[in-house]
Amino acid sequence: MVRVQEIPLRKIHRPLPRQTDPAKVATLMQSIQLIGQQEPIDVLEVDGEYYGFSGCHRFEAIQRLGQETIRCRIRRAPRSVLSMHLA
């Protein structure tokens, strides 16, 4: 089951390094300031911990804006699914 909710940025582990396009981040920051975050990022919930593997531009934009939470689409998964994402 998938649910959408606000999660504190500090609680989301981002285990894979991502390259972001500064222009895209700046555009997203402007959009988020005007109309808010429209599309949630996807996170896995494994044993009560949150792991983000996508939405790196949205995550960085929200972070740079100084917001403490981000809207997430949360999918619970066993540790084996997390291991596949880290492979």
Protein backbone atom coordinates (compact mmCIF):
# COMPACT_ATOMS: atom_id res chain seq x y z
CA MET A 1 0.00 0.00 0.00
CA VAL A 2 1.25 3.48 -0.89
CA ARG A 3 0.54 6.54 1.22
CA VAL A 4 1.47 10.21 0.83
CA GLN A 5 2.63 12.31 3.78
CA GLU A 6 5.09 14.99 4.85
CA ILE A 7 8.36 13.63 6.25
CA PRO A 8 11.16 15.65 7.86
CA LEU A 9 14.11 15.94 5.46
CA ARG A 10 16.47 14.85 8.24
CA LYS A 11 14.70 11.48 8.47
CA ILE A 12 15.24 10.56 4.82
CA HIS A 13 18.42 8.64 4.01
CA ARG A 14 19.80 9.35 0.52
CA PRO A 15 22.32 6.50 0.16
CA LEU A 16 23.25 7.03 -3.49
CA PRO A 17 25.10 10.14 -4.64
CA ARG A 18 23.24 12.08 -7.33
CA GLN A 19 24.29 14.82 -9.70
CA THR A 20 21.77 17.63 -9.90
CA ASP A 21 21.33 20.28 -12.55
CA PRO A 22 21.60 23.67 -10.77
CA ALA A 23 19.26 25.31 -13.31
CA LYS A 24 16.59 22.67 -12.74
CA VAL A 25 16.92 23.05 -8.96
CA ALA A 26 16.56 26.85 -9.28
CA THR A 27 13.46 26.47 -11.47
CA LEU A 28 11.92 24.05 -8.98
CA MET A 29 12.69 26.42 -6.11
CA GLN A 30 10.79 29.20 -7.88
CA SER A 31 7.86 26.90 -8.61
CA ILE A 32 7.71 25.57 -5.04
CA GLN A 33 7.77 29.12 -3.67
CA LEU A 34 4.86 30.09 -5.94
CA ILE A 35 2.60 27.03 -5.85
CA GLY A 36 4.16 24.56 -3.40
CA GLN A 37 5.49 21.08 -4.03
CA GLN A 38 3.18 19.48 -6.59
CA GLU A 39 4.70 16.02 -7.02
CA PRO A 40 5.76 13.91 -4.02
CA ILE A 41 9.13 12.18 -4.04
CA ASP A 42 9.17 8.39 -3.76
CA VAL A 43 10.62 6.81 -0.62
CA LEU A 44 10.91 3.30 0.70
CA GLU A 45 10.04 2.66 4.32
CA VAL A 46 12.14 -0.21 5.63
CA ASP A 47 11.94 -1.12 9.31
CA GLY A 48 10.66 2.39 10.16
CA GLU A 49 13.49 4.15 8.27
CA TYR A 50 12.96 6.18 5.07
CA TYR A 51 15.18 5.85 2.00
CA GLY A 52 14.96 8.16 -1.01
CA PHE A 53 16.32 7.15 -4.41
CA SER A 54 14.47 9.54 -6.72
CA GLY A 55 13.33 13.15 -6.66
CA CYS A 56 16.85 14.47 -6.10
CA HIS A 57 16.08 17.85 -7.71
CA ARG A 58 12.90 18.29 -5.66
CA PHE A 59 14.71 17.18 -2.49
CA GLU A 60 17.53 19.69 -3.06
CA ALA A 61 15.09 22.50 -3.94
CA ILE A 62 13.07 21.94 -0.75
CA GLN A 63 16.30 21.74 1.27
CA ARG A 64 17.68 24.98 -0.21
CA LEU A 65 14.39 26.74 0.53
CA GLY A 66 14.92 25.89 4.19
CA GLN A 67 11.79 23.79 4.49
CA GLU A 68 11.92 21.09 7.15
CA THR A 69 9.56 18.57 5.52
CA ILE A 70 8.90 17.20 2.05
CA ARG A 71 5.81 15.50 0.65
CA CYS A 72 6.59 11.83 0.00
CA ARG A 73 4.90 8.88 -1.64
CA ILE A 74 5.81 6.10 0.80
CA ARG A 75 6.00 2.43 -0.04
CA ARG A 76 6.79 -0.10 2.69
CA ALA A 77 9.32 -2.69 1.68
CA PRO A 78 11.38 -5.46 3.23
CA ARG A 79 15.14 -5.09 3.62
CA SER A 80 15.64 -7.33 0.54
CA VAL A 81 14.05 -4.64 -1.68
CA LEU A 82 16.33 -2.00 -0.14
CA SER A 83 19.31 -4.24 -0.90
CA MET A 84 18.27 -4.41 -4.57
CA HIS A 85 18.20 -0.60 -4.77
CA LEU A 86 21.69 -0.43 -3.26
CA ALA A 87 23.19 -3.10 -5.54
